[in-house]
PDB file of N, CA and C in Angstrom:
ATOM      1  N   MET A   1      -5.630  -0.029  11.896  1.00  0.00           N
ATOM      2  CA  MET A   1      -5.670   0.212  10.172  1.00  0.00           C
ATOM      3  C   MET A   1      -5.828  -0.804   9.448  1.00  0.00           C
ATOM      4  N   LYS A   2      -6.722  -0.711   8.375  1.00  0.00           N
ATOM      5  CA  LYS A   2      -6.609  -2.141   7.391  1.00  0.00           C
ATOM      6  C   LYS A   2      -5.510  -2.067   6.217  1.00  0.00           C
ATOM      7  N   LYS A   3      -5.337  -3.227   6.215  1.00  0.00           N
ATOM      8  CA  LYS A   3      -4.412  -3.826   5.388  1.00  0.00           C
ATOM      9  C   LYS A   3      -4.815  -3.503   3.858  1.00  0.00           C
ATOM     10  N   TYR A   4      -4.061  -3.329   3.009  1.00  0.00           N
ATOM     11  CA  TYR A   4      -4.942  -3.598   1.365  1.00  0.00           C
ATOM     12  C   TYR A   4      -3.793  -4.124   0.661  1.00  0.00           C
ATOM     13  N   ILE A   5      -3.965  -5.028  -0.308  1.00  0.00           N
ATOM     14  CA  ILE A   5      -3.668  -6.206  -1.484  1.00  0.00           C
ATOM     15  C   ILE A   5      -3.613  -5.714  -2.501  1.00  0.00           C
ATOM     16  N   CYS A   6      -2.424  -5.592  -3.294  1.00  0.00           N
ATOM     17  CA  CYS A   6      -2.057  -5.441  -4.911  1.00  0.00           C
ATOM     18  C   CYS A   6      -3.232  -6.255  -5.518  1.00  0.00           C
ATOM     19  N   THR A   7      -4.205  -6.009  -6.888  1.00  0.00           N
ATOM     20  CA  THR A   7      -4.506  -6.978  -7.394  1.00  0.00           C
ATOM     21  C   THR A   7      -3.917  -7.401  -8.570  1.00  0.00           C
ATOM     22  N   VAL A   8      -2.544  -6.975  -8.799  1.00  0.00           N
ATOM     23  CA  VAL A   8      -1.821  -7.741  -9.652  1.00  0.00           C
ATOM     24  C   VAL A   8      -0.781  -8.344  -9.133  1.00  0.00           C
ATOM     25  N   CYS A   9       0.263  -8.194  -7.891  1.00  0.00           N
ATOM     26  CA  CYS A   9       0.871  -8.792  -7.599  1.00  0.00           C
ATOM     27  C   CYS A   9       0.688  -9.653  -6.370  1.00  0.00           C
ATOM     28  N   GLU A  10      -0.158  -9.055  -5.525  1.00  0.00           N
ATOM     29  CA  GLU A  10      -0.606  -9.558  -4.371  1.00  0.00           C
ATOM     30  C   GLU A  10       0.320  -9.064  -3.164  1.00  0.00           C
ATOM     31  N   TYR A  11       1.354  -7.829  -3.384  1.00  0.00           N
ATOM     32  CA  TYR A  11       1.798  -7.311  -2.570  1.00  0.00           C
ATOM     33  C   TYR A  11       0.587  -6.542  -1.194  1.00  0.00           C
ATOM     34  N   ILE A  12       1.250  -6.609  -0.093  1.00  0.00           N
ATOM     35  CA  ILE A  12       0.251  -6.298   0.897  1.00  0.00           C
ATOM     36  C   ILE A  12       0.919  -5.466   1.518  1.00  0.00           C
ATOM     37  N   TYR A  13       0.040  -4.032   1.711  1.00  0.00           N
ATOM     38  CA  TYR A  13       0.573  -2.871   2.009  1.00  0.00           C
ATOM     39  C   TYR A  13      -0.361  -2.681   3.322  1.00  0.00           C
ATOM     40  N   ASP A  14       1.039  -2.740   4.883  1.00  0.00           N
ATOM     41  CA  ASP A  14       0.772  -2.940   6.208  1.00  0.00           C
ATOM     42  C   ASP A  14       0.809  -1.589   6.413  1.00  0.00           C
ATOM     43  N   PRO A  15      -0.045  -0.619   7.250  1.00  0.00           N
ATOM     44  CA  PRO A  15      -0.013   0.408   7.390  1.00  0.00           C
ATOM     45  C   PRO A  15       0.805   0.641   8.911  1.00  0.00           C
ATOM     46  N   GLU A  16       1.163  -0.527   9.499  1.00  0.00           N
ATOM     47  CA  GLU A  16       1.870  -0.886  10.790  1.00  0.00           C
ATOM     48  C   GLU A  16       3.331  -0.731  10.306  1.00  0.00           C
ATOM     49  N   GLN A  17       3.484  -1.322   9.171  1.00  0.00           N
ATOM     50  CA  GLN A  17       5.082  -1.276   8.614  1.00  0.00           C
ATOM     51  C   GLN A  17       5.001   0.027   7.534  1.00  0.00           C
ATOM     52  N   GLY A  18       4.398   0.537   6.901  1.00  0.00           N
ATOM     53  CA  GLY A  18       4.561   1.476   6.181  1.00  0.00           C
ATOM     54  C   GLY A  18       5.163   0.717   4.701  1.00  0.00           C
ATOM     55  N   ASP A  19       6.107   1.823   4.262  1.00  0.00           N
ATOM     56  CA  ASP A  19       6.828   1.722   2.868  1.00  0.00           C
ATOM     57  C   ASP A  19       7.944   2.600   2.961  1.00  0.00           C
ATOM     58  N   PRO A  20       8.852   2.743   3.794  1.00  0.00           N
ATOM     59  CA  PRO A  20      10.187   3.318   4.189  1.00  0.00           C
ATOM     60  C   PRO A  20      10.915   3.549   3.212  1.00  0.00           C
ATOM     61  N   GLU A  21      11.132   2.826   1.901  1.00  0.00           N
ATOM     62  CA  GLU A  21      11.743   2.837   1.119  1.00  0.00           C
ATOM     63  C   GLU A  21      11.305   3.986   0.184  1.00  0.00           C
ATOM     64  N   SER A  22       9.912   4.244   0.049  1.00  0.00           N
ATOM     65  CA  SER A  22       9.021   4.866  -0.747  1.00  0.00           C
ATOM     66  C   SER A  22       8.836   6.202  -0.071  1.00  0.00           C
ATOM     67  N   GLY A  23       9.245   6.426   1.312  1.00  0.00           N
ATOM     68  CA  GLY A  23       8.739   7.670   2.109  1.00  0.00           C
ATOM     69  C   GLY A  23       7.497   7.512   2.919  1.00  0.00           C
ATOM     70  N   ILE A  24       7.089   6.040   3.179  1.00  0.00           N
ATOM     71  CA  ILE A  24       5.799   6.176   3.643  1.00  0.00           C
ATOM     72  C   ILE A  24       6.186   5.636   4.987  1.00  0.00           C
ATOM     73  N   GLU A  25       6.046   6.632   5.969  1.00  0.00           N
ATOM     74  CA  GLU A  25       6.172   6.348   7.650  1.00  0.00           C
ATOM     75  C   GLU A  25       5.519   5.050   7.995  1.00  0.00           C
ATOM     76  N   PRO A  26       5.876   4.553   8.669  1.00  0.00           N
ATOM     77  CA  PRO A  26       4.916   3.462   9.563  1.00  0.00           C
ATOM     78  C   PRO A  26       3.706   4.229  10.370  1.00  0.00           C
ATOM     79  N   GLY A  27       2.895   3.325  10.455  1.00  0.00           N
ATOM     80  CA  GLY A  27       1.511   4.167  11.008  1.00  0.00           C
ATOM     81  C   GLY A  27       0.844   4.860   9.948  1.00  0.00           C
ATOM     82  N   THR A  28       1.440   4.948   8.993  1.00  0.00           N
ATOM     83  CA  THR A  28       0.145   5.764   7.872  1.00  0.00           C
ATOM     84  C   THR A  28      -0.711   4.728   7.098  1.00  0.00           C
ATOM     85  N   ALA A  29      -1.954   5.251   7.103  1.00  0.00           N
ATOM     86  CA  ALA A  29      -3.020   4.665   6.555  1.00  0.00           C
ATOM     87  C   ALA A  29      -3.087   4.494   5.173  1.00  0.00           C
ATOM     88  N   PHE A  30      -3.590   3.693   4.719  1.00  0.00           N
ATOM     89  CA  PHE A  30      -3.542   3.761   3.181  1.00  0.00           C
ATOM     90  C   PHE A  30      -4.256   4.766   2.562  1.00  0.00           C
ATOM     91  N   GLU A  31      -5.367   5.324   3.014  1.00  0.00           N
ATOM     92  CA  GLU A  31      -5.959   6.493   2.750  1.00  0.00           C
ATOM     93  C   GLU A  31      -5.074   7.987   2.844  1.00  0.00           C
ATOM     94  N   ASP A  32      -4.258   7.693   3.658  1.00  0.00           N
ATOM     95  CA  ASP A  32      -3.281   8.918   3.397  1.00  0.00           C
ATOM     96  C   ASP A  32      -1.826   9.215   2.782  1.00  0.00           C
ATOM     97  N   ILE A  33      -1.798   7.688   2.285  1.00  0.00           N
ATOM     98  CA  ILE A  33      -0.526   7.559   1.263  1.00  0.00           C
ATOM     99  C   ILE A  33      -0.871   8.617   0.092  1.00  0.00           C
ATOM    100  N   PRO A  34      -0.028   9.195  -0.038  1.00  0.00           N
ATOM    101  CA  PRO A  34       0.072   9.953  -1.554  1.00  0.00           C
ATOM    102  C   PRO A  34      -0.847   9.692  -3.017  1.00  0.00           C
ATOM    103  N   ASP A  35      -1.721  10.144  -3.534  1.00  0.00           N
ATOM    104  CA  ASP A  35      -2.087   9.593  -5.192  1.00  0.00           C
ATOM    105  C   ASP A  35      -1.076   8.857  -6.084  1.00  0.00           C
ATOM    106  N   ASP A  36       0.086   9.660  -6.171  1.00  0.00           N
ATOM    107  CA  ASP A  36       1.108   9.171  -6.952  1.00  0.00           C
ATOM    108  C   ASP A  36       1.810   7.694  -6.236  1.00  0.00           C
ATOM    109  N   TRP A  37       1.420   7.546  -5.077  1.00  0.00           N
ATOM    110  CA  TRP A  37       2.708   6.464  -4.914  1.00  0.00           C
ATOM    111  C   TRP A  37       2.100   5.168  -5.544  1.00  0.00           C
ATOM    112  N   THR A  38       3.003   4.243  -5.880  1.00  0.00           N
ATOM    113  CA  THR A  38       2.866   2.934  -6.508  1.00  0.00           C
ATOM    114  C   THR A  38       3.103   1.954  -5.655  1.00  0.00           C
ATOM    115  N   CYS A  39       3.112   0.558  -6.427  1.00  0.00           N
ATOM    116  CA  CYS A  39       3.106  -0.718  -5.301  1.00  0.00           C
ATOM    117  C   CYS A  39       4.769  -0.954  -5.741  1.00  0.00           C
ATOM    118  N   PRO A  40       5.219  -0.734  -4.667  1.00  0.00           N
ATOM    119  CA  PRO A  40       6.866  -1.442  -4.524  1.00  0.00           C
ATOM    120  C   PRO A  40       7.570  -2.445  -5.365  1.00  0.00           C
ATOM    121  N   LEU A  41       6.252  -3.272  -5.531  1.00  0.00           N
ATOM    122  CA  LEU A  41       7.036  -4.602  -6.233  1.00  0.00           C
ATOM    123  C   LEU A  41       6.590  -4.722  -7.608  1.00  0.00           C
ATOM    124  N   CYS A  42       5.384  -3.986  -8.238  1.00  0.00           N
ATOM    125  CA  CYS A  42       4.771  -3.974  -9.780  1.00  0.00           C
ATOM    126  C   CYS A  42       4.662  -2.792 -10.237  1.00  0.00           C
ATOM    127  N   GLY A  43       4.478  -1.972  -9.422  1.00  0.00           N
ATOM    128  CA  GLY A  43       4.345  -0.045 -10.049  1.00  0.00           C
ATOM    129  C   GLY A  43       2.836  -0.030 -10.540  1.00  0.00           C
ATOM    130  N   VAL A  44       2.054  -0.649 -10.011  1.00  0.00           N
ATOM    131  CA  VAL A  44       0.719  -0.041 -10.383  1.00  0.00           C
ATOM    132  C   VAL A  44       0.601   1.053  -9.138  1.00  0.00           C
ATOM    133  N   GLY A  45      -0.476   1.541  -9.386  1.00  0.00           N
ATOM    134  CA  GLY A  45      -0.935   2.922  -8.720  1.00  0.00           C
ATOM    135  C   GLY A  45      -2.084   2.257  -7.548  1.00  0.00           C
ATOM    136  N   LYS A  46      -2.791   3.193  -6.622  1.00  0.00           N
ATOM    137  CA  LYS A  46      -3.297   3.175  -5.394  1.00  0.00           C
ATOM    138  C   LYS A  46      -4.944   2.212  -5.907  1.00  0.00           C
ATOM    139  N   GLU A  47      -4.869   2.980  -7.198  1.00  0.00           N
ATOM    140  CA  GLU A  47      -6.347   1.799  -7.669  1.00  0.00           C
ATOM    141  C   GLU A  47      -6.505   0.835  -7.681  1.00  0.00           C
ATOM    142  N   ASP A  48      -5.634   0.026  -7.728  1.00  0.00           N
ATOM    143  CA  ASP A  48      -5.248  -1.508  -8.209  1.00  0.00           C
ATOM    144  C   ASP A  48      -4.980  -1.886  -6.832  1.00  0.00           C
ATOM    145  N   PHE A  49      -5.635  -1.311  -5.794  1.00  0.00           N
ATOM    146  CA  PHE A  49      -5.406  -2.084  -4.206  1.00  0.00           C
ATOM    147  C   PHE A  49      -6.544  -2.124  -3.974  1.00  0.00           C
ATOM    148  N   GLU A  50      -6.931  -3.182  -2.910  1.00  0.00           N
ATOM    149  CA  GLU A  50      -8.332  -3.160  -2.316  1.00  0.00           C
ATOM    150  C   GLU A  50      -8.098  -3.852  -1.111  1.00  0.00           C
ATOM    151  N   PRO A  51      -9.184  -3.597  -0.101  1.00  0.00           N
ATOM    152  CA  PRO A  51      -8.740  -4.114   1.037  1.00  0.00           C
ATOM    153  C   PRO A  51      -8.789  -5.530   1.514  1.00  0.00           C
ATOM    154  N   TYR A  52      -7.621  -5.654   2.327  1.00  0.00           N
ATOM    155  CA  TYR A  52      -7.319  -7.053   2.340  1.00  0.00           C
ATOM    156  C   TYR A  52      -7.997  -7.902   3.711  1.00  0.00           C
ATOM    157  N   GLU A  53      -8.627  -8.953   3.482  1.00  0.00           N
ATOM    158  CA  GLU A  53      -9.511  -9.094   4.460  1.00  0.00           C
ATOM    159  C   GLU A  53      -8.515 -10.723   4.859  1.00  0.00           C
ATOM    160  N   GLY A  54      -7.380 -10.899   4.590  1.00  0.00           N
ATOM    161  CA  GLY A  54      -6.582 -12.136   5.223  1.00  0.00           C
ATOM    162  C   GLY A  54      -6.430 -12.110   6.579  1.00  0.00           C
TER     163      GLY A  54
END
């Protein structure tokens, strides 16, 4: 599964880790995260993330 990076604060969403504090279980692909999910560091929405190539 592909990682995604926040274009505002550079938080990297790693699907292997998920975002348990926001209710996103490990193994959840970015595409499967609810549309109302926000970056846990800066609070922007999914639209401000892009695929991470690092």
